[in-house]
């Protein structure tokens, strides 16, 4: 995972193993300020998603990819979550498009804590599996 700001902040880009000759063609900015390896995870995937910050509102426990929170759960927004198992990518638009945020196991009371205050909402999510789905 590469970031356009230091300390793993700002826009994030998930890179699979391979060569990347032109970052701008991929929609990235012209510099990478920080990066981190995502550890392999072979066990179960579990996350609780919440409609409001601080684990408020509707809650759903999920264990697989979701291409649209609105279609599957009738949730127009996901503002906090608890990742219990696995590594996940949350996307700003349905069908895994737009800006993304990498989430590892832990509690996320507000996505502002991740440096994504300009992101209005999350609309889809995907598990990060060894096969790099």
C-alpha atoms as a PDB file:
ATOM      1  CA  UNK A   1       0.000   0.000   0.000  1.00  0.00           C
ATOM      2  CA  UNK A   2       1.454   3.381  -0.974  1.00  0.00           C
ATOM      3  CA  UNK A   3       0.399   6.810   0.304  1.00  0.00           C
ATOM      4  CA  UNK A   4       0.795  10.307  -1.106  1.00  0.00           C
ATOM      5  CA  UNK A   5       1.483  11.786   2.357  1.00  0.00           C
ATOM      6  CA  UNK A   6       3.945  10.803   5.066  1.00  0.00           C
ATOM      7  CA  UNK A   7       2.990   8.694   8.093  1.00  0.00           C
ATOM      8  CA  UNK A   8       0.579   6.548   6.009  1.00  0.00           C
ATOM      9  CA  UNK A   9      -1.840   9.408   5.435  1.00  0.00           C
ATOM     10  CA  UNK A  10      -3.600  10.869   2.410  1.00  0.00           C
ATOM     11  CA  UNK A  11      -4.719   9.046  -0.708  1.00  0.00           C
ATOM     12  CA  UNK A  12      -3.890   5.357  -0.717  1.00  0.00           C
ATOM     13  CA  UNK A  13      -3.131   3.037  -3.617  1.00  0.00           C
ATOM     14  CA  UNK A  14      -3.118  -0.738  -3.405  1.00  0.00           C
ATOM     15  CA  UNK A  15      -0.330  -2.170  -5.543  1.00  0.00           C
ATOM     16  CA  UNK A  16      -0.093  -5.840  -6.410  1.00  0.00           C
ATOM     17  CA  UNK A  17       3.246  -7.467  -7.143  1.00  0.00           C
ATOM     18  CA  UNK A  18       4.569  -6.171 -10.452  1.00  0.00           C
ATOM     19  CA  UNK A  19       6.157  -3.253 -12.241  1.00  0.00           C
ATOM     20  CA  UNK A  20       4.654   0.224 -12.438  1.00  0.00           C
ATOM     21  CA  UNK A  21       6.312   2.474 -14.996  1.00  0.00           C
ATOM     22  CA  UNK A  22       3.952   5.475 -14.773  1.00  0.00           C
ATOM     23  CA  UNK A  23       2.160   6.378 -11.543  1.00  0.00           C
ATOM     24  CA  UNK A  24       0.154   9.185 -13.140  1.00  0.00           C
ATOM     25  CA  UNK A  25      -1.476   6.842 -15.662  1.00  0.00           C
ATOM     26  CA  UNK A  26      -2.772   4.846 -12.694  1.00  0.00           C
ATOM     27  CA  UNK A  27      -4.430   7.976 -11.294  1.00  0.00           C
ATOM     28  CA  UNK A  28      -1.747   8.530  -8.669  1.00  0.00           C
ATOM     29  CA  UNK A  29      -0.026  11.748  -7.775  1.00  0.00           C
ATOM     30  CA  UNK A  30       3.578  12.255  -8.815  1.00  0.00           C
ATOM     31  CA  UNK A  31       5.156  11.167  -5.537  1.00  0.00           C
ATOM     32  CA  UNK A  32       4.924   8.486  -2.879  1.00  0.00           C
ATOM     33  CA  UNK A  33       5.592   9.707   0.660  1.00  0.00           C
ATOM     34  CA  UNK A  34       5.136   6.461   2.613  1.00  0.00           C
ATOM     35  CA  UNK A  35       4.362   2.789   2.056  1.00  0.00           C
ATOM     36  CA  UNK A  36       3.672  -0.398   3.988  1.00  0.00           C
ATOM     37  CA  UNK A  37       3.452  -4.100   3.299  1.00  0.00           C
ATOM     38  CA  UNK A  38       0.115  -5.761   3.941  1.00  0.00           C
ATOM     39  CA  UNK A  39       0.662  -9.045   5.778  1.00  0.00           C
ATOM     40  CA  UNK A  40      -0.807 -12.238   4.373  1.00  0.00           C
ATOM     41  CA  UNK A  41      -4.004 -13.402   6.028  1.00  0.00           C
ATOM     42  CA  UNK A  42      -5.295 -16.929   5.535  1.00  0.00           C
ATOM     43  CA  UNK A  43      -7.949 -17.160   8.246  1.00  0.00           C
ATOM     44  CA  UNK A  44     -11.514 -15.901   8.431  1.00  0.00           C
ATOM     45  CA  UNK A  45     -12.550 -12.357   7.540  1.00  0.00           C
ATOM     46  CA  UNK A  46     -14.906 -10.569   9.948  1.00  0.00           C
ATOM     47  CA  UNK A  47     -15.886  -6.948  10.360  1.00  0.00           C
ATOM     48  CA  UNK A  48     -18.740  -5.048  11.972  1.00  0.00           C
ATOM     49  CA  UNK A  49     -19.838  -1.974  10.053  1.00  0.00           C
ATOM     50  CA  UNK A  50     -21.838   0.859  11.623  1.00  0.00           C
ATOM     51  CA  UNK A  51     -23.944   3.565  10.076  1.00  0.00           C
ATOM     52  CA  UNK A  52     -22.697   6.299  12.450  1.00  0.00           C
ATOM     53  CA  UNK A  53     -19.457   7.317  14.153  1.00  0.00           C
ATOM     54  CA  UNK A  54     -18.582   5.717  17.506  1.00  0.00           C
ATOM     55  CA  UNK A  55     -20.344   2.464  16.560  1.00  0.00           C
ATOM     56  CA  UNK A  56     -23.795   4.023  16.384  1.00  0.00           C
ATOM     57  CA  UNK A  57     -26.822   3.351  14.204  1.00  0.00           C
ATOM     58  CA  UNK A  58     -27.393   0.222  12.164  1.00  0.00           C
ATOM     59  CA  UNK A  59     -24.790  -2.539  12.568  1.00  0.00           C
ATOM     60  CA  UNK A  60     -24.031  -5.490  10.300  1.00  0.00           C
ATOM     61  CA  UNK A  61     -21.413  -8.179  10.724  1.00  0.00           C
ATOM     62  CA  UNK A  62     -19.788  -9.028   7.397  1.00  0.00           C
ATOM     63  CA  UNK A  63     -17.355 -11.690   6.238  1.00  0.00           C
ATOM     64  CA  UNK A  64     -17.180 -11.176   2.477  1.00  0.00           C
ATOM     65  CA  UNK A  65     -16.847  -8.468  -0.168  1.00  0.00           C
ATOM     66  CA  UNK A  66     -19.689  -6.015  -0.655  1.00  0.00           C
ATOM     67  CA  UNK A  67     -19.971  -4.040  -3.889  1.00  0.00           C
ATOM     68  CA  UNK A  68     -22.690  -1.708  -2.551  1.00  0.00           C
ATOM     69  CA  UNK A  69     -23.690  -1.046   1.063  1.00  0.00           C
ATOM     70  CA  UNK A  70     -26.899   0.616  -0.130  1.00  0.00           C
ATOM     71  CA  UNK A  71     -28.009  -2.363  -2.206  1.00  0.00           C
ATOM     72  CA  UNK A  72     -27.057  -5.088   0.267  1.00  0.00           C
ATOM     73  CA  UNK A  73     -27.734  -3.497   3.664  1.00  0.00           C
ATOM     74  CA  UNK A  74     -29.874  -0.444   2.843  1.00  0.00           C
ATOM     75  CA  UNK A  75     -27.201   1.682   4.501  1.00  0.00           C
ATOM     76  CA  UNK A  76     -26.430   4.983   2.819  1.00  0.00           C
ATOM     77  CA  UNK A  77     -23.291   5.463   4.879  1.00  0.00           C
ATOM     78  CA  UNK A  78     -20.715   3.577   6.941  1.00  0.00           C
ATOM     79  CA  UNK A  79     -18.884   5.852   9.376  1.00  0.00           C
ATOM     80  CA  UNK A  80     -17.236   3.442  11.820  1.00  0.00           C
ATOM     81  CA  UNK A  81     -16.252  -0.209  11.983  1.00  0.00           C
ATOM     82  CA  UNK A  82     -14.553  -2.887  14.023  1.00  0.00           C
ATOM     83  CA  UNK A  83     -12.252  -5.151  12.017  1.00  0.00           C
ATOM     84  CA  UNK A  84     -12.033  -8.403  13.948  1.00  0.00           C
ATOM     85  CA  UNK A  85     -10.234 -10.595  11.391  1.00  0.00           C
ATOM     86  CA  UNK A  86      -8.458  -9.993   8.115  1.00  0.00           C
ATOM     87  CA  UNK A  87      -7.389  -6.970   6.098  1.00  0.00           C
ATOM     88  CA  UNK A  88      -9.882  -4.890   4.132  1.00  0.00           C
ATOM     89  CA  UNK A  89     -10.127  -2.081   1.594  1.00  0.00           C
ATOM     90  CA  UNK A  90     -13.021   0.373   1.927  1.00  0.00           C
ATOM     91  CA  UNK A  91     -13.959   2.316  -1.224  1.00  0.00           C
ATOM     92  CA  UNK A  92     -15.675   5.650  -1.573  1.00  0.00           C
ATOM     93  CA  UNK A  93     -17.873   4.499  -4.503  1.00  0.00           C
ATOM     94  CA  UNK A  94     -19.877   1.334  -5.211  1.00  0.00           C
ATOM     95  CA  UNK A  95     -18.266  -1.507  -7.158  1.00  0.00           C
ATOM     96  CA  UNK A  96     -14.806  -0.931  -5.639  1.00  0.00           C
ATOM     97  CA  UNK A  97     -14.146   2.434  -7.288  1.00  0.00           C
ATOM     98  CA  UNK A  98     -12.813   5.758  -6.118  1.00  0.00           C
ATOM     99  CA  UNK A  99     -10.471   6.464  -3.248  1.00  0.00           C
ATOM    100  CA  UNK A 100      -9.769   3.654  -0.825  1.00  0.00           C
ATOM    101  CA  UNK A 101      -8.678   3.134   2.755  1.00  0.00           C
ATOM    102  CA  UNK A 102      -6.764   0.113   4.079  1.00  0.00           C
ATOM    103  CA  UNK A 103      -8.119  -1.293   7.354  1.00  0.00           C
ATOM    104  CA  UNK A 104      -6.297  -3.839   9.489  1.00  0.00           C
ATOM    105  CA  UNK A 105      -7.691  -5.445  12.662  1.00  0.00           C
ATOM    106  CA  UNK A 106      -8.783  -2.830  15.168  1.00  0.00           C
ATOM    107  CA  UNK A 107     -11.536  -0.384  16.058  1.00  0.00           C
ATOM    108  CA  UNK A 108     -12.211   2.624  13.838  1.00  0.00           C
ATOM    109  CA  UNK A 109     -14.568   5.017  15.652  1.00  0.00           C
ATOM    110  CA  UNK A 110     -14.236   7.658  12.919  1.00  0.00           C
ATOM    111  CA  UNK A 111     -12.544   7.615   9.539  1.00  0.00           C
ATOM    112  CA  UNK A 112     -11.190  11.105  10.195  1.00  0.00           C
ATOM    113  CA  UNK A 113      -8.646   9.292  12.383  1.00  0.00           C
ATOM    114  CA  UNK A 114      -7.253   7.761   9.182  1.00  0.00           C
ATOM    115  CA  UNK A 115      -6.620  11.127   7.546  1.00  0.00           C
ATOM    116  CA  UNK A 116      -9.608  10.774   5.237  1.00  0.00           C
ATOM    117  CA  UNK A 117     -11.764  13.654   6.473  1.00  0.00           C
ATOM    118  CA  UNK A 118     -12.446  14.769   2.897  1.00  0.00           C
ATOM    119  CA  UNK A 119     -14.013  11.404   2.053  1.00  0.00           C
ATOM    120  CA  UNK A 120     -17.727  11.852   2.505  1.00  0.00           C
ATOM    121  CA  UNK A 121     -18.675   8.178   2.824  1.00  0.00           C
ATOM    122  CA  UNK A 122     -17.808   4.596   2.040  1.00  0.00           C
ATOM    123  CA  UNK A 123     -19.932   2.644  -0.410  1.00  0.00           C
ATOM    124  CA  UNK A 124     -18.177  -0.716  -0.910  1.00  0.00           C
ATOM    125  CA  UNK A 125     -15.512  -2.939   0.640  1.00  0.00           C
ATOM    126  CA  UNK A 126     -13.263  -5.808  -0.366  1.00  0.00           C
ATOM    127  CA  UNK A 127     -11.184  -8.346   1.539  1.00  0.00           C
ATOM    128  CA  UNK A 128      -7.460  -8.370   0.807  1.00  0.00           C
ATOM    129  CA  UNK A 129      -6.751 -12.002   0.106  1.00  0.00           C
ATOM    130  CA  UNK A 130      -3.516 -13.778  -0.779  1.00  0.00           C
ATOM    131  CA  UNK A 131      -4.696 -14.078  -4.367  1.00  0.00           C
ATOM    132  CA  UNK A 132      -5.040 -10.259  -4.550  1.00  0.00           C
ATOM    133  CA  UNK A 133      -8.625 -10.510  -5.807  1.00  0.00           C
END
